Amino acid sequence: MRAGAGQWEAAAGHYRAALEYTRDPLDEPATARALEGAAESYRALGDPVRAADWYGRALALRQSRDEPAAQARLLARIGEAHAAQHRYDEAVREYRTALALLRRLGDERGSAAVAAALARYAPAGGR
């Protein structure tokens, strides 16, 4: 509710608190959602470093659960966070990995969106 209302600081705190409840019973899907929610909050607050960190935690969990669509989404978000930090080589690497996953899944719409982001940042990687 806090995130929906644009209260990102409060939302991030609630997501972090939710993690404590999901770790006890090892509810991995809920943990992944809480990690992604915290990452989205930091992204909305304009903190790409923290966002990338939380997205990375969520990615590790999604990889352990073999969820390629979620992995692709998170890789693209991590790419965005790197680009926001002007870390173009890292952004391009994440986008390429996301693009490969999306193509393997046959997600044409997702592939097009990630390919557009990749095209935007790939030339910047050499700077």
Protein backbone atom coordinates (compact mmCIF):
# COMPACT_ATOMS: atom_id res chain seq x y z
CA MET A 1 0.00 0.00 0.00
CA ARG A 2 2.86 2.36 0.80
CA ALA A 3 4.51 1.72 -2.55
CA GLY A 4 1.21 2.26 -4.35
CA ALA A 5 0.87 5.60 -2.57
CA GLY A 6 4.37 6.63 -3.60
CA GLN A 7 5.68 6.50 -0.03
CA TRP A 8 8.90 4.78 -1.03
CA GLU A 9 10.89 5.25 2.20
CA ALA A 10 8.12 3.65 4.24
CA ALA A 11 7.62 0.94 1.60
CA ALA A 12 11.31 0.01 1.70
CA GLY A 13 11.12 -0.33 5.47
CA HIS A 14 8.05 -2.55 5.23
CA TYR A 15 9.69 -4.76 2.61
CA ARG A 16 12.79 -5.14 4.78
CA ALA A 17 10.57 -6.05 7.75
CA ALA A 18 8.71 -8.57 5.59
CA LEU A 19 12.01 -10.32 4.91
CA GLU A 20 12.29 -11.23 8.58
CA TYR A 21 8.96 -13.04 8.41
CA THR A 22 9.76 -14.88 5.18
CA ARG A 23 13.13 -16.16 6.33
CA ASP A 24 11.83 -18.13 9.31
CA PRO A 25 9.68 -20.59 7.36
CA LEU A 26 11.95 -20.25 4.31
CA ASP A 27 9.12 -19.06 2.09
CA GLU A 28 11.31 -18.43 -0.94
CA PRO A 29 8.62 -16.98 -3.24
CA ALA A 30 7.61 -14.45 -0.57
CA THR A 31 11.27 -13.68 0.14
CA ALA A 32 11.90 -13.01 -3.55
CA ARG A 33 8.87 -10.69 -3.74
CA ALA A 34 10.03 -8.78 -0.65
CA LEU A 35 13.55 -8.42 -2.07
CA GLU A 36 12.18 -7.14 -5.37
CA GLY A 37 9.84 -4.76 -3.56
CA ALA A 38 12.71 -3.29 -1.57
CA ALA A 39 14.73 -2.93 -4.77
CA GLU A 40 11.85 -1.16 -6.51
CA SER A 41 11.54 1.21 -3.56
CA TYR A 42 15.20 2.16 -3.74
CA ARG A 43 14.93 2.52 -7.51
CA ALA A 44 12.00 4.93 -7.07
CA LEU A 45 13.98 6.85 -4.46
CA GLY A 46 16.79 7.36 -6.97
CA ASP A 47 19.31 5.12 -5.19
CA PRO A 48 20.63 2.84 -7.97
CA VAL A 49 23.40 1.38 -5.81
CA ARG A 50 21.00 0.02 -3.21
CA ALA A 51 18.51 -0.98 -5.89
CA ALA A 52 21.16 -3.02 -7.70
CA ASP A 53 22.14 -4.69 -4.43
CA TRP A 54 18.58 -5.74 -3.61
CA TYR A 55 17.89 -6.81 -7.20
CA GLY A 56 21.04 -8.92 -7.05
CA ARG A 57 19.81 -10.67 -3.91
CA ALA A 58 16.48 -11.37 -5.55
CA LEU A 59 18.26 -12.62 -8.69
CA ALA A 60 20.31 -15.11 -6.69
CA LEU A 61 17.14 -16.51 -5.17
CA ARG A 62 15.33 -16.66 -8.53
CA GLN A 63 18.34 -18.46 -10.03
CA SER A 64 18.31 -21.04 -7.26
CA ARG A 65 14.62 -21.64 -7.98
CA ASP A 66 15.25 -21.85 -11.77
CA GLU A 67 12.82 -19.07 -12.73
CA PRO A 68 14.19 -17.76 -16.05
CA ALA A 69 11.47 -15.16 -16.70
CA ALA A 70 12.03 -13.60 -13.29
CA GLN A 71 15.78 -13.81 -13.82
CA ALA A 72 15.51 -11.92 -17.12
CA ARG A 73 13.36 -9.22 -15.52
CA LEU A 74 15.83 -8.79 -12.66
CA LEU A 75 18.85 -8.75 -14.96
CA ALA A 76 17.24 -5.93 -16.93
CA ARG A 77 16.57 -4.02 -13.70
CA ILE A 78 20.17 -4.51 -12.61
CA GLY A 79 21.24 -3.25 -16.04
CA GLU A 80 19.13 -0.13 -15.49
CA ALA A 81 20.73 0.41 -12.10
CA HIS A 82 24.22 0.09 -13.57
CA ALA A 83 23.35 2.51 -16.38
CA ALA A 84 22.06 5.02 -13.81
CA GLN A 85 25.50 4.82 -12.17
CA HIS A 86 27.19 5.33 -15.58
CA ARG A 87 28.60 1.81 -15.37
CA TYR A 88 27.84 1.05 -18.99
CA ASP A 89 29.98 -2.06 -19.43
CA GLU A 90 28.19 -3.74 -16.52
CA ALA A 91 24.81 -2.55 -17.81
CA VAL A 92 25.51 -3.98 -21.26
CA ARG A 93 26.57 -7.32 -19.74
CA GLU A 94 23.34 -7.59 -17.72
CA TYR A 95 21.17 -6.56 -20.68
CA ARG A 96 22.85 -9.14 -22.94
CA THR A 97 22.23 -11.90 -20.42
CA ALA A 98 18.60 -10.81 -20.01
CA LEU A 99 18.16 -10.69 -23.78
CA ALA A 100 19.52 -14.23 -24.20
CA LEU A 101 17.11 -15.53 -21.56
CA LEU A 102 14.14 -13.73 -23.09
CA ARG A 103 14.95 -15.05 -26.56
CA ARG A 104 15.24 -18.57 -25.17
CA LEU A 105 11.81 -18.11 -23.56
CA GLY A 106 10.34 -16.78 -26.82
CA ASP A 107 9.33 -13.48 -25.20
CA GLU A 108 9.35 -11.18 -28.23
CA ARG A 109 7.99 -8.11 -26.42
CA GLY A 110 10.51 -8.42 -23.58
CA SER A 111 13.31 -9.09 -26.05
CA ALA A 112 12.46 -5.94 -27.99
CA ALA A 113 12.44 -3.79 -24.85
CA VAL A 114 15.77 -5.15 -23.62
CA ALA A 115 17.31 -4.91 -27.10
CA ALA A 116 16.31 -1.24 -27.22
CA ALA A 117 17.97 -0.61 -23.85
CA LEU A 118 21.02 -2.54 -24.97
CA ALA A 119 21.27 -0.44 -28.13
CA ARG A 120 21.04 2.71 -26.03
CA TYR A 121 23.94 1.76 -23.76
CA ALA A 122 26.18 -0.48 -25.86
CA PRO A 123 27.87 2.46 -27.63
CA ALA A 124 28.41 4.18 -24.28
CA GLY A 125 30.36 1.23 -22.93
CA GLY A 126 33.48 2.33 -24.80
CA ARG A 127 33.55 5.76 -23.15
